[in-house]
Amino acid sequence: MSTTESRSGPVLVAGASGFVGSRLCAELTRHGVDVRAMTRHPETYERAGTPVYGDVHDPSSLPDALAGCRAAYYLVHSLGSADFERLDAEAARAFGEAAAQAGVPQVVYLGGLGRDDDLLSPHLRSRREVERLLGEAGVPVTVLRAGIVVGRGGISWEITRQLVERLPVMVTPRWVATRTQPIAVDDVVRYLVGVLGNPDAVGRVFEVGGPEVLQYATMMRRVARALGRPLVLVPVPLLTPALSSRWLSLVTDVDTRAGRSLVDSMGVEVVVEDDSVRSVVPFEPRGYDEAVRLALQEHRDASEAHR
């Protein structure tokens, strides 16, 4: 983090109230970074950083938010909308143009793993498009591509946890055999902080993941073991993504549209093939079991706090 501490000027976090953004704001602040937390509701924002108004779907709000910033994180998406591909493309183009006009020297984006030559889902295809559009106006973009991010509040993780907690016997679709490379949310944040102002990271695309490649079925079994719950998985080859999303909406409290978009992506293998990020931000990511333990403890702590 020495490169970030040696430079002055605020850093904007778009998506400061989100699953990753809220943690990133707290970690950057802990390192002494002047954080601008971009939000549509600055009057109610009570987390780390200085709240500033900004809405990626309102281009006129972006110049003031980005003015004078030495970097900007882009951690927003529209998965909850039926028209998320168009909305995300428009927002990314507007943000990239505003960042370029403000002279921001680095934008950092958290995208999704998946090989470009695979048949990507609409969700992953949109993530790739956002990568391109953020840099279309000339601002250097650092991209971190991740698969399943394990932590309280992450949609993919909440689907896994809630299914295991609520269904001791599960009729499962084919995607439970797909391989992925889950990573703890705290490790994603550590990578995001590590690339900030890092000359070896500017303008590059990195793939990030934990140390294990696992099938979704294996992940669920290991969550069940951590919870001390029984789990029987019964694969059904004809359970389509549409039926899977309806099933998820009945069993979990995950937003139906966002859940459907992610289910569509679960048939695509998302595994790190280029680990060059390890030489740019060197550390050992947590194993899956440790990531699960921390996520479950955070959920328990939050549940007790609301009693």
C-alpha atoms as a PDB file:
ATOM      1  CA  MET A   1       0.000   0.000   0.000  1.00  0.00           C
ATOM      2  CA  SER A   2       3.053   2.252  -0.004  1.00  0.00           C
ATOM      3  CA  THR A   3       2.186   3.592  -3.450  1.00  0.00           C
ATOM      4  CA  THR A   4      -1.257   4.710  -2.327  1.00  0.00           C
ATOM      5  CA  GLU A   5      -0.061   6.305   0.894  1.00  0.00           C
ATOM      6  CA  SER A   6       2.532   8.379  -0.935  1.00  0.00           C
ATOM      7  CA  ARG A   7      -0.014  10.118  -3.161  1.00  0.00           C
ATOM      8  CA  SER A   8      -2.487  12.813  -2.254  1.00  0.00           C
ATOM      9  CA  GLY A   9      -6.027  13.457  -3.374  1.00  0.00           C
ATOM     10  CA  PRO A  10      -9.331  11.753  -2.713  1.00  0.00           C
ATOM     11  CA  VAL A  11     -10.410   8.379  -4.057  1.00  0.00           C
ATOM     12  CA  LEU A  12     -14.005   7.944  -5.217  1.00  0.00           C
ATOM     13  CA  VAL A  13     -15.881   4.710  -4.512  1.00  0.00           C
ATOM     14  CA  ALA A  14     -18.972   4.298  -6.685  1.00  0.00           C
ATOM     15  CA  GLY A  15     -21.103   1.672  -5.005  1.00  0.00           C
ATOM     16  CA  ALA A  16     -19.962   2.632  -1.507  1.00  0.00           C
ATOM     17  CA  SER A  17     -23.064   1.199   0.158  1.00  0.00           C
ATOM     18  CA  GLY A  18     -22.773  -2.200  -1.508  1.00  0.00           C
ATOM     19  CA  PHE A  19     -21.475  -5.599  -0.490  1.00  0.00           C
ATOM     20  CA  VAL A  20     -17.871  -4.971  -1.571  1.00  0.00           C
ATOM     21  CA  GLY A  21     -17.931  -1.169  -1.617  1.00  0.00           C
ATOM     22  CA  SER A  22     -18.782  -0.743   2.060  1.00  0.00           C
ATOM     23  CA  ARG A  23     -15.891  -2.985   3.058  1.00  0.00           C
ATOM     24  CA  LEU A  24     -13.529  -1.243   0.637  1.00  0.00           C
ATOM     25  CA  CYS A  25     -14.383   2.208   2.024  1.00  0.00           C
ATOM     26  CA  ALA A  26     -13.641   1.009   5.544  1.00  0.00           C
ATOM     27  CA  GLU A  27     -10.305  -0.554   4.548  1.00  0.00           C
ATOM     28  CA  LEU A  28      -9.148   2.444   2.527  1.00  0.00           C
ATOM     29  CA  THR A  29     -10.066   4.759   5.402  1.00  0.00           C
ATOM     30  CA  ARG A  30      -8.126   2.530   7.783  1.00  0.00           C
ATOM     31  CA  HIS A  31      -5.080   3.069   5.559  1.00  0.00           C
ATOM     32  CA  GLY A  32      -5.503   6.835   5.740  1.00  0.00           C
ATOM     33  CA  VAL A  33      -6.975   7.308   2.256  1.00  0.00           C
ATOM     34  CA  ASP A  34      -9.353  10.252   1.753  1.00  0.00           C
ATOM     35  CA  VAL A  35     -12.448   8.361   0.563  1.00  0.00           C
ATOM     36  CA  ARG A  36     -15.374   9.919  -1.265  1.00  0.00           C
ATOM     37  CA  ALA A  37     -18.284   7.533  -0.838  1.00  0.00           C
ATOM     38  CA  MET A  38     -20.552   8.092  -3.834  1.00  0.00           C
ATOM     39  CA  THR A  39     -24.209   7.504  -3.059  1.00  0.00           C
ATOM     40  CA  ARG A  40     -27.628   8.622  -4.247  1.00  0.00           C
ATOM     41  CA  HIS A  41     -28.541   9.338  -0.628  1.00  0.00           C
ATOM     42  CA  PRO A  42     -25.625  11.137   1.066  1.00  0.00           C
ATOM     43  CA  GLU A  43     -27.934  12.501   3.759  1.00  0.00           C
ATOM     44  CA  THR A  44     -28.473   8.997   5.185  1.00  0.00           C
ATOM     45  CA  TYR A  45     -24.997   7.561   4.556  1.00  0.00           C
ATOM     46  CA  GLU A  46     -23.350   6.578   7.856  1.00  0.00           C
ATOM     47  CA  ARG A  47     -20.435   4.372   6.837  1.00  0.00           C
ATOM     48  CA  ALA A  48     -16.746   5.038   6.184  1.00  0.00           C
ATOM     49  CA  GLY A  49     -15.724   7.919   3.953  1.00  0.00           C
ATOM     50  CA  THR A  50     -17.190  11.306   3.128  1.00  0.00           C
ATOM     51  CA  PRO A  51     -20.539  10.928   1.361  1.00  0.00           C
ATOM     52  CA  VAL A  52     -20.968  12.708  -1.967  1.00  0.00           C
ATOM     53  CA  TYR A  53     -23.979  12.666  -4.236  1.00  0.00           C
ATOM     54  CA  GLY A  54     -23.620  10.749  -7.454  1.00  0.00           C
ATOM     55  CA  ASP A  55     -25.723   8.472  -9.635  1.00  0.00           C
ATOM     56  CA  VAL A  56     -24.202   6.532 -12.527  1.00  0.00           C
ATOM     57  CA  HIS A  57     -27.550   6.763 -14.303  1.00  0.00           C
ATOM     58  CA  ASP A  58     -27.460  10.585 -14.037  1.00  0.00           C
ATOM     59  CA  PRO A  59     -24.347  11.710 -15.952  1.00  0.00           C
ATOM     60  CA  SER A  60     -24.768  15.315 -14.790  1.00  0.00           C
ATOM     61  CA  SER A  61     -24.050  14.224 -11.200  1.00  0.00           C
ATOM     62  CA  LEU A  62     -20.657  12.656 -11.983  1.00  0.00           C
ATOM     63  CA  PRO A  63     -18.299  15.619 -12.695  1.00  0.00           C
ATOM     64  CA  ASP A  64     -18.585  17.053  -9.176  1.00  0.00           C
ATOM     65  CA  ALA A  65     -18.151  13.616  -7.588  1.00  0.00           C
ATOM     66  CA  LEU A  66     -15.016  12.880  -9.639  1.00  0.00           C
ATOM     67  CA  ALA A  67     -13.403  16.334  -9.521  1.00  0.00           C
ATOM     68  CA  GLY A  68      -9.849  16.197  -8.189  1.00  0.00           C
ATOM     69  CA  CYS A  69      -9.858  12.435  -7.595  1.00  0.00           C
ATOM     70  CA  ARG A  70      -6.635  10.475  -8.058  1.00  0.00           C
ATOM     71  CA  ALA A  71      -8.578   7.255  -8.656  1.00  0.00           C
ATOM     72  CA  ALA A  72     -12.123   5.917  -8.795  1.00  0.00           C
ATOM     73  CA  TYR A  73     -13.556   2.500  -8.015  1.00  0.00           C
ATOM     74  CA  TYR A  74     -16.550   1.351 -10.050  1.00  0.00           C
ATOM     75  CA  LEU A  75     -18.524  -1.247  -8.059  1.00  0.00           C
ATOM     76  CA  VAL A  76     -22.086  -0.786  -9.304  1.00  0.00           C
ATOM     77  CA  HIS A  77     -24.425  -2.937 -11.384  1.00  0.00           C
ATOM     78  CA  SER A  78     -28.105  -3.140 -12.333  1.00  0.00           C
ATOM     79  CA  LEU A  79     -28.702  -6.887 -11.912  1.00  0.00           C
ATOM     80  CA  GLY A  80     -32.017  -6.224 -10.207  1.00  0.00           C
ATOM     81  CA  SER A  81     -33.404  -4.764 -13.452  1.00  0.00           C
ATOM     82  CA  ALA A  82     -34.803  -6.771 -16.348  1.00  0.00           C
ATOM     83  CA  ASP A  83     -32.887  -4.414 -18.670  1.00  0.00           C
ATOM     84  CA  PHE A  84     -29.573  -4.581 -16.802  1.00  0.00           C
ATOM     85  CA  GLU A  85     -27.367  -4.997 -19.891  1.00  0.00           C
ATOM     86  CA  ARG A  86     -28.486  -1.695 -21.422  1.00  0.00           C
ATOM     87  CA  LEU A  87     -28.480   0.156 -18.096  1.00  0.00           C
ATOM     88  CA  ASP A  88     -25.019  -1.068 -17.152  1.00  0.00           C
ATOM     89  CA  ALA A  89     -23.616  -0.170 -20.577  1.00  0.00           C
ATOM     90  CA  GLU A  90     -25.021   3.367 -20.446  1.00  0.00           C
ATOM     91  CA  ALA A  91     -23.784   3.880 -16.888  1.00  0.00           C
ATOM     92  CA  ALA A  92     -20.270   2.582 -17.634  1.00  0.00           C
ATOM     93  CA  ARG A  93     -19.926   4.784 -20.705  1.00  0.00           C
ATOM     94  CA  ALA A  94     -21.074   7.859 -18.767  1.00  0.00           C
ATOM     95  CA  PHE A  95     -18.760   7.136 -15.830  1.00  0.00           C
ATOM     96  CA  GLY A  96     -15.763   6.525 -18.095  1.00  0.00           C
ATOM     97  CA  GLU A  97     -16.374   9.764 -19.987  1.00  0.00           C
ATOM     98  CA  ALA A  98     -16.754  11.768 -16.774  1.00  0.00           C
ATOM     99  CA  ALA A  99     -13.586  10.212 -15.320  1.00  0.00           C
ATOM    100  CA  ALA A 100     -11.626  11.053 -18.463  1.00  0.00           C
ATOM    101  CA  GLN A 101     -12.890  14.641 -18.486  1.00  0.00           C
ATOM    102  CA  ALA A 102     -11.960  14.998 -14.808  1.00  0.00           C
ATOM    103  CA  GLY A 103      -8.452  13.729 -15.525  1.00  0.00           C
ATOM    104  CA  VAL A 104      -8.748  10.709 -13.223  1.00  0.00           C
ATOM    105  CA  PRO A 105      -5.585   8.649 -13.825  1.00  0.00           C
ATOM    106  CA  GLN A 106      -7.032   5.257 -12.790  1.00  0.00           C
ATOM    107  CA  VAL A 107     -10.410   3.551 -12.633  1.00  0.00           C
ATOM    108  CA  VAL A 108     -10.638   0.192 -10.841  1.00  0.00           C
ATOM    109  CA  TYR A 109     -13.455  -2.194 -11.750  1.00  0.00           C
ATOM    110  CA  LEU A 110     -14.505  -5.514 -10.201  1.00  0.00           C
ATOM    111  CA  GLY A 111     -15.736  -7.766 -13.005  1.00  0.00           C
ATOM    112  CA  GLY A 112     -16.448 -11.460 -13.475  1.00  0.00           C
ATOM    113  CA  LEU A 113     -14.274 -14.454 -14.316  1.00  0.00           C
ATOM    114  CA  GLY A 114     -14.892 -16.515 -17.436  1.00  0.00           C
ATOM    115  CA  ARG A 115     -13.009 -17.180 -20.648  1.00  0.00           C
ATOM    116  CA  ASP A 116     -13.787 -14.797 -23.485  1.00  0.00           C
ATOM    117  CA  ASP A 117     -14.074 -17.699 -25.932  1.00  0.00           C
ATOM    118  CA  ASP A 118     -16.747 -19.411 -23.806  1.00  0.00           C
ATOM    119  CA  LEU A 119     -20.456 -18.897 -24.391  1.00  0.00           C
ATOM    120  CA  LEU A 120     -20.811 -16.288 -21.655  1.00  0.00           C
ATOM    121  CA  SER A 121     -24.113 -15.663 -19.905  1.00  0.00           C
ATOM    122  CA  PRO A 122     -25.805 -12.248 -20.301  1.00  0.00           C
ATOM    123  CA  HIS A 123     -24.482 -11.315 -16.841  1.00  0.00           C
ATOM    124  CA  LEU A 124     -20.847 -12.151 -17.640  1.00  0.00           C
ATOM    125  CA  ARG A 125     -21.138 -10.710 -21.135  1.00  0.00           C
ATOM    126  CA  SER A 126     -22.352  -7.459 -19.577  1.00  0.00           C
ATOM    127  CA  ARG A 127     -19.395  -7.431 -17.192  1.00  0.00           C
ATOM    128  CA  ARG A 128     -17.023  -7.650 -20.161  1.00  0.00           C
ATOM    129  CA  GLU A 129     -18.855  -4.833 -21.915  1.00  0.00           C
ATOM    130  CA  VAL A 130     -18.578  -2.638 -18.825  1.00  0.00           C
ATOM    131  CA  GLU A 131     -14.804  -3.242 -18.756  1.00  0.00           C
ATOM    132  CA  ARG A 132     -14.521  -1.971 -22.327  1.00  0.00           C
ATOM    133  CA  LEU A 133     -16.868   0.991 -21.947  1.00  0.00           C
ATOM    134  CA  LEU A 134     -15.212   2.302 -18.786  1.00  0.00           C
ATOM    135  CA  GLY A 135     -11.996   2.805 -20.754  1.00  0.00           C
ATOM    136  CA  GLU A 136     -13.565   3.893 -24.040  1.00  0.00           C
ATOM    137  CA  ALA A 137     -12.871   7.599 -23.379  1.00  0.00           C
ATOM    138  CA  GLY A 138      -9.218   6.956 -22.593  1.00  0.00           C
ATOM    139  CA  VAL A 139      -9.014   6.573 -18.807  1.00  0.00           C
ATOM    140  CA  PRO A 140      -6.707   3.674 -17.782  1.00  0.00           C
ATOM    141  CA  VAL A 141      -8.794   0.893 -16.216  1.00  0.00           C
ATOM    142  CA  THR A 142      -7.579  -1.781 -13.810  1.00  0.00           C
ATOM    143  CA  VAL A 143      -9.906  -4.798 -13.868  1.00  0.00           C
ATOM    144  CA  LEU A 144     -10.129  -7.514 -11.243  1.00  0.00           C
ATOM    145  CA  ARG A 145     -12.192 -10.487 -12.404  1.00  0.00           C
ATOM    146  CA  ALA A 146     -13.622 -12.686  -9.652  1.00  0.00           C
ATOM    147  CA  GLY A 147     -15.983 -15.644  -9.432  1.00  0.00           C
ATOM    148  CA  ILE A 148     -18.007 -16.411  -6.288  1.00  0.00           C
ATOM    149  CA  VAL A 149     -17.207 -13.860  -3.580  1.00  0.00           C
ATOM    150  CA  VAL A 150     -17.833 -15.367  -0.144  1.00  0.00           C
ATOM    151  CA  GLY A 151     -19.146 -12.968   2.480  1.00  0.00           C
ATOM    152  CA  ARG A 152     -22.330 -11.824   4.151  1.00  0.00           C
ATOM    153  CA  GLY A 153     -24.487  -9.890   1.690  1.00  0.00           C
ATOM    154  CA  GLY A 154     -22.995 -11.286  -1.511  1.00  0.00           C
ATOM    155  CA  ILE A 155     -25.802 -12.591  -3.712  1.00  0.00           C
ATOM    156  CA  SER A 156     -24.053 -15.806  -4.792  1.00  0.00           C
ATOM    157  CA  TRP A 157     -22.973 -16.541  -1.234  1.00  0.00           C
ATOM    158  CA  GLU A 158     -26.437 -15.825   0.194  1.00  0.00           C
ATOM    159  CA  ILE A 159     -27.968 -18.228  -2.329  1.00  0.00           C
ATOM    160  CA  THR A 160     -25.558 -20.941  -1.159  1.00  0.00           C
ATOM    161  CA  ARG A 161     -25.998 -20.294   2.565  1.00  0.00           C
ATOM    162  CA  GLN A 162     -29.776 -20.029   2.510  1.00  0.00           C
ATOM    163  CA  LEU A 163     -30.262 -23.124   0.380  1.00  0.00           C
ATOM    164  CA  VAL A 164     -28.107 -25.181   2.730  1.00  0.00           C
ATOM    165  CA  GLU A 165     -29.796 -23.794   5.844  1.00  0.00           C
ATOM    166  CA  ARG A 166     -33.342 -24.322   4.577  1.00  0.00           C
ATOM    167  CA  LEU A 167     -33.215 -27.490   2.449  1.00  0.00           C
ATOM    168  CA  PRO A 168     -31.666 -30.665   3.922  1.00  0.00           C
ATOM    169  CA  VAL A 169     -32.615 -32.441   0.683  1.00  0.00           C
ATOM    170  CA  MET A 170     -32.097 -30.519  -2.548  1.00  0.00           C
ATOM    171  CA  VAL A 171     -33.193 -31.285  -6.090  1.00  0.00           C
ATOM    172  CA  THR A 172     -30.361 -29.647  -7.979  1.00  0.00           C
ATOM    173  CA  PRO A 173     -29.823 -28.512 -11.584  1.00  0.00           C
ATOM    174  CA  ARG A 174     -26.830 -29.364 -13.743  1.00  0.00           C
ATOM    175  CA  TRP A 175     -24.929 -26.219 -12.758  1.00  0.00           C
ATOM    176  CA  VAL A 176     -24.013 -27.717  -9.360  1.00  0.00           C
ATOM    177  CA  ALA A 177     -21.302 -29.684 -11.205  1.00  0.00           C
ATOM    178  CA  THR A 178     -19.759 -26.505 -12.676  1.00  0.00           C
ATOM    179  CA  ARG A 179     -16.321 -25.566 -11.367  1.00  0.00           C
ATOM    180  CA  THR A 180     -15.609 -22.170  -9.845  1.00  0.00           C
ATOM    181  CA  GLN A 181     -12.864 -20.595  -7.766  1.00  0.00           C
ATOM    182  CA  PRO A 182     -14.436 -18.853  -4.759  1.00  0.00           C
ATOM    183  CA  ILE A 183     -12.653 -16.063  -2.920  1.00  0.00           C
ATOM    184  CA  ALA A 184     -13.268 -14.426   0.467  1.00  0.00           C
ATOM    185  CA  VAL A 185     -14.635 -10.885   0.259  1.00  0.00           C
ATOM    186  CA  ASP A 186     -11.846  -9.589   2.502  1.00  0.00           C
ATOM    187  CA  ASP A 187      -9.296 -10.921   0.009  1.00  0.00           C
ATOM    188  CA  VAL A 188     -11.100  -9.203  -2.875  1.00  0.00           C
ATOM    189  CA  VAL A 189     -10.868  -5.971  -0.886  1.00  0.00           C
ATOM    190  CA  ARG A 190      -7.177  -6.587  -0.269  1.00  0.00           C
ATOM    191  CA  TYR A 191      -6.596  -6.895  -4.017  1.00  0.00           C
ATOM    192  CA  LEU A 192      -8.679  -3.783  -4.697  1.00  0.00           C
ATOM    193  CA  VAL A 193      -6.593  -1.788  -2.225  1.00  0.00           C
ATOM    194  CA  GLY A 194      -3.344  -3.259  -3.539  1.00  0.00           C
ATOM    195  CA  VAL A 195      -3.876  -2.130  -7.141  1.00  0.00           C
ATOM    196  CA  LEU A 196      -4.703   1.451  -6.180  1.00  0.00           C
ATOM    197  CA  GLY A 197      -2.017   3.747  -7.552  1.00  0.00           C
ATOM    198  CA  ASN A 198       0.158   0.737  -8.307  1.00  0.00           C
ATOM    199  CA  PRO A 199       2.040   1.416 -11.570  1.00  0.00           C
ATOM    200  CA  ASP A 200       2.217  -2.330 -12.270  1.00  0.00           C
ATOM    201  CA  ALA A 201      -1.588  -2.550 -12.197  1.00  0.00           C
ATOM    202  CA  VAL A 202      -2.771   0.479 -14.167  1.00  0.00           C
ATOM    203  CA  GLY A 203      -4.497  -0.473 -17.401  1.00  0.00           C
ATOM    204  CA  ARG A 204      -4.309  -4.234 -16.772  1.00  0.00           C
ATOM    205  CA  VAL A 205      -6.807  -7.075 -16.342  1.00  0.00           C
ATOM    206  CA  PHE A 206      -6.254  -9.513 -13.471  1.00  0.00           C
ATOM    207  CA  GLU A 207      -8.006 -12.720 -12.408  1.00  0.00           C
ATOM    208  CA  VAL A 208      -8.476 -13.279  -8.680  1.00  0.00           C
ATOM    209  CA  GLY A 209      -9.577 -16.332  -6.746  1.00  0.00           C
ATOM    210  CA  GLY A 210      -8.966 -18.362  -3.632  1.00  0.00           C
ATOM    211  CA  PRO A 211      -6.608 -21.360  -3.516  1.00  0.00           C
ATOM    212  CA  GLU A 212      -9.256 -23.997  -4.379  1.00  0.00           C
ATOM    213  CA  VAL A 213     -11.237 -24.870  -7.516  1.00  0.00           C
ATOM    214  CA  LEU A 214     -14.544 -26.393  -6.446  1.00  0.00           C
ATOM    215  CA  GLN A 215     -17.846 -27.556  -7.889  1.00  0.00           C
ATOM    216  CA  TYR A 216     -20.921 -25.745  -6.559  1.00  0.00           C
ATOM    217  CA  ALA A 217     -22.073 -29.069  -5.080  1.00  0.00           C
ATOM    218  CA  THR A 218     -18.812 -29.381  -3.129  1.00  0.00           C
ATOM    219  CA  MET A 219     -19.162 -25.823  -1.905  1.00  0.00           C
ATOM    220  CA  MET A 220     -22.672 -26.515  -0.600  1.00  0.00           C
ATOM    221  CA  ARG A 221     -21.579 -29.717   1.129  1.00  0.00           C
ATOM    222  CA  ARG A 222     -18.774 -27.878   2.887  1.00  0.00           C
ATOM    223  CA  VAL A 223     -21.141 -25.116   4.012  1.00  0.00           C
ATOM    224  CA  ALA A 224     -23.450 -27.829   5.388  1.00  0.00           C
ATOM    225  CA  ARG A 225     -20.524 -29.336   7.268  1.00  0.00           C
ATOM    226  CA  ALA A 226     -19.626 -25.925   8.723  1.00  0.00           C
ATOM    227  CA  LEU A 227     -23.240 -25.477   9.862  1.00  0.00           C
ATOM    228  CA  GLY A 228     -23.478 -29.024  11.218  1.00  0.00           C
ATOM    229  CA  ARG A 229     -26.481 -29.714   8.984  1.00  0.00           C
ATOM    230  CA  PRO A 230     -27.379 -32.727   6.852  1.00  0.00           C
ATOM    231  CA  LEU A 231     -27.441 -32.235   3.090  1.00  0.00           C
ATOM    232  CA  VAL A 232     -28.508 -34.591   0.314  1.00  0.00           C
ATOM    233  CA  LEU A 233     -28.191 -33.431  -3.291  1.00  0.00           C
ATOM    234  CA  VAL A 234     -30.361 -35.064  -5.981  1.00  0.00           C
ATOM    235  CA  PRO A 235     -29.303 -33.891  -9.468  1.00  0.00           C
ATOM    236  CA  VAL A 236     -32.077 -33.403 -12.031  1.00  0.00           C
ATOM    237  CA  PRO A 237     -30.675 -32.748 -15.536  1.00  0.00           C
ATOM    238  CA  LEU A 238     -33.845 -31.087 -16.850  1.00  0.00           C
ATOM    239  CA  LEU A 239     -34.093 -28.356 -14.221  1.00  0.00           C
ATOM    240  CA  THR A 240     -33.745 -25.289 -16.469  1.00  0.00           C
ATOM    241  CA  PRO A 241     -32.351 -21.881 -15.425  1.00  0.00           C
ATOM    242  CA  ALA A 242     -35.903 -20.477 -15.470  1.00  0.00           C
ATOM    243  CA  LEU A 243     -37.130 -23.186 -13.112  1.00  0.00           C
ATOM    244  CA  SER A 244     -33.993 -22.807 -10.994  1.00  0.00           C
ATOM    245  CA  SER A 245     -34.626 -19.089 -10.520  1.00  0.00           C
ATOM    246  CA  ARG A 246     -38.263 -19.694  -9.503  1.00  0.00           C
ATOM    247  CA  TRP A 247     -37.072 -22.343  -7.078  1.00  0.00           C
ATOM    248  CA  LEU A 248     -34.546 -19.913  -5.599  1.00  0.00           C
ATOM    249  CA  SER A 249     -37.228 -17.229  -5.215  1.00  0.00           C
ATOM    250  CA  LEU A 250     -39.351 -19.634  -3.155  1.00  0.00           C
ATOM    251  CA  VAL A 251     -36.540 -20.798  -0.872  1.00  0.00           C
ATOM    252  CA  THR A 252     -34.321 -17.726  -0.489  1.00  0.00           C
ATOM    253  CA  ASP A 253     -34.868 -13.990  -0.026  1.00  0.00           C
ATOM    254  CA  VAL A 254     -32.469 -13.120  -2.866  1.00  0.00           C
ATOM    255  CA  ASP A 255     -33.882 -10.679  -5.429  1.00  0.00           C
ATOM    256  CA  THR A 256     -35.528 -12.816  -8.133  1.00  0.00           C
ATOM    257  CA  ARG A 257     -34.134 -10.926 -11.141  1.00  0.00           C
ATOM    258  CA  ALA A 258     -30.616 -10.749  -9.750  1.00  0.00           C
ATOM    259  CA  GLY A 259     -30.790 -14.411  -8.784  1.00  0.00           C
ATOM    260  CA  ARG A 260     -31.915 -15.388 -12.272  1.00  0.00           C
ATOM    261  CA  SER A 261     -29.028 -13.475 -13.840  1.00  0.00           C
ATOM    262  CA  LEU A 262     -26.548 -15.271 -11.606  1.00  0.00           C
ATOM    263  CA  VAL A 263     -28.131 -18.687 -12.159  1.00  0.00           C
ATOM    264  CA  ASP A 264     -27.676 -18.177 -15.891  1.00  0.00           C
ATOM    265  CA  SER A 265     -23.954 -17.702 -15.184  1.00  0.00           C
ATOM    266  CA  MET A 266     -23.568 -20.786 -13.018  1.00  0.00           C
ATOM    267  CA  GLY A 267     -23.285 -23.058 -16.022  1.00  0.00           C
ATOM    268  CA  VAL A 268     -20.097 -21.247 -17.087  1.00  0.00           C
ATOM    269  CA  GLU A 269     -16.821 -22.434 -15.582  1.00  0.00           C
ATOM    270  CA  VAL A 270     -15.091 -19.520 -13.819  1.00  0.00           C
ATOM    271  CA  VAL A 271     -11.541 -20.484 -12.904  1.00  0.00           C
ATOM    272  CA  VAL A 272      -8.371 -18.377 -12.670  1.00  0.00           C
ATOM    273  CA  GLU A 273      -6.071 -19.103 -15.619  1.00  0.00           C
ATOM    274  CA  ASP A 274      -3.671 -16.176 -15.169  1.00  0.00           C
ATOM    275  CA  ASP A 275      -2.381 -15.613 -11.632  1.00  0.00           C
ATOM    276  CA  SER A 276      -0.151 -12.628 -12.457  1.00  0.00           C
ATOM    277  CA  VAL A 277      -1.964 -10.578  -9.805  1.00  0.00           C
ATOM    278  CA  ARG A 278      -0.039 -12.595  -7.201  1.00  0.00           C
ATOM    279  CA  SER A 279       3.198 -10.830  -8.203  1.00  0.00           C
ATOM    280  CA  VAL A 280       1.550  -7.382  -8.197  1.00  0.00           C
ATOM    281  CA  VAL A 281      -0.343  -7.762  -4.907  1.00  0.00           C
ATOM    282  CA  PRO A 282       1.480 -10.619  -3.153  1.00  0.00           C
ATOM    283  CA  PHE A 283      -0.326 -12.435  -0.335  1.00  0.00           C
ATOM    284  CA  GLU A 284      -1.919 -15.835   0.320  1.00  0.00           C
ATOM    285  CA  PRO A 285      -5.741 -15.765  -0.036  1.00  0.00           C
ATOM    286  CA  ARG A 286      -7.845 -17.638   2.504  1.00  0.00           C
ATOM    287  CA  GLY A 287      -9.062 -21.156   1.823  1.00  0.00           C
ATOM    288  CA  TYR A 288     -12.758 -21.782   1.189  1.00  0.00           C
ATOM    289  CA  ASP A 289     -13.487 -23.246   4.627  1.00  0.00           C
ATOM    290  CA  GLU A 290     -11.982 -20.214   6.358  1.00  0.00           C
ATOM    291  CA  ALA A 291     -13.927 -17.863   4.084  1.00  0.00           C
ATOM    292  CA  VAL A 292     -17.127 -19.740   4.948  1.00  0.00           C
ATOM    293  CA  ARG A 293     -16.359 -19.626   8.666  1.00  0.00           C
ATOM    294  CA  LEU A 294     -15.888 -15.864   8.568  1.00  0.00           C
ATOM    295  CA  ALA A 295     -19.042 -15.313   6.482  1.00  0.00           C
ATOM    296  CA  LEU A 296     -21.168 -17.443   8.814  1.00  0.00           C
ATOM    297  CA  GLN A 297     -19.758 -15.663  11.877  1.00  0.00           C
ATOM    298  CA  GLU A 298     -20.569 -12.290  10.339  1.00  0.00           C
ATOM    299  CA  HIS A 299     -24.125 -13.477   9.684  1.00  0.00           C
ATOM    300  CA  ARG A 300     -24.503 -14.665  13.277  1.00  0.00           C
ATOM    301  CA  ASP A 301     -23.128 -11.389  14.626  1.00  0.00           C
ATOM    302  CA  ALA A 302     -25.534  -9.383  12.482  1.00  0.00           C
ATOM    303  CA  SER A 303     -28.486 -11.538  13.538  1.00  0.00           C
ATOM    304  CA  GLU A 304     -27.662 -11.085  17.217  1.00  0.00           C
ATOM    305  CA  ALA A 305     -27.265  -7.323  16.778  1.00  0.00           C
ATOM    306  CA  HIS A 306     -30.811  -7.074  15.357  1.00  0.00           C
ATOM    307  CA  ARG A 307     -32.452  -9.000  18.207  1.00  0.00           C
END
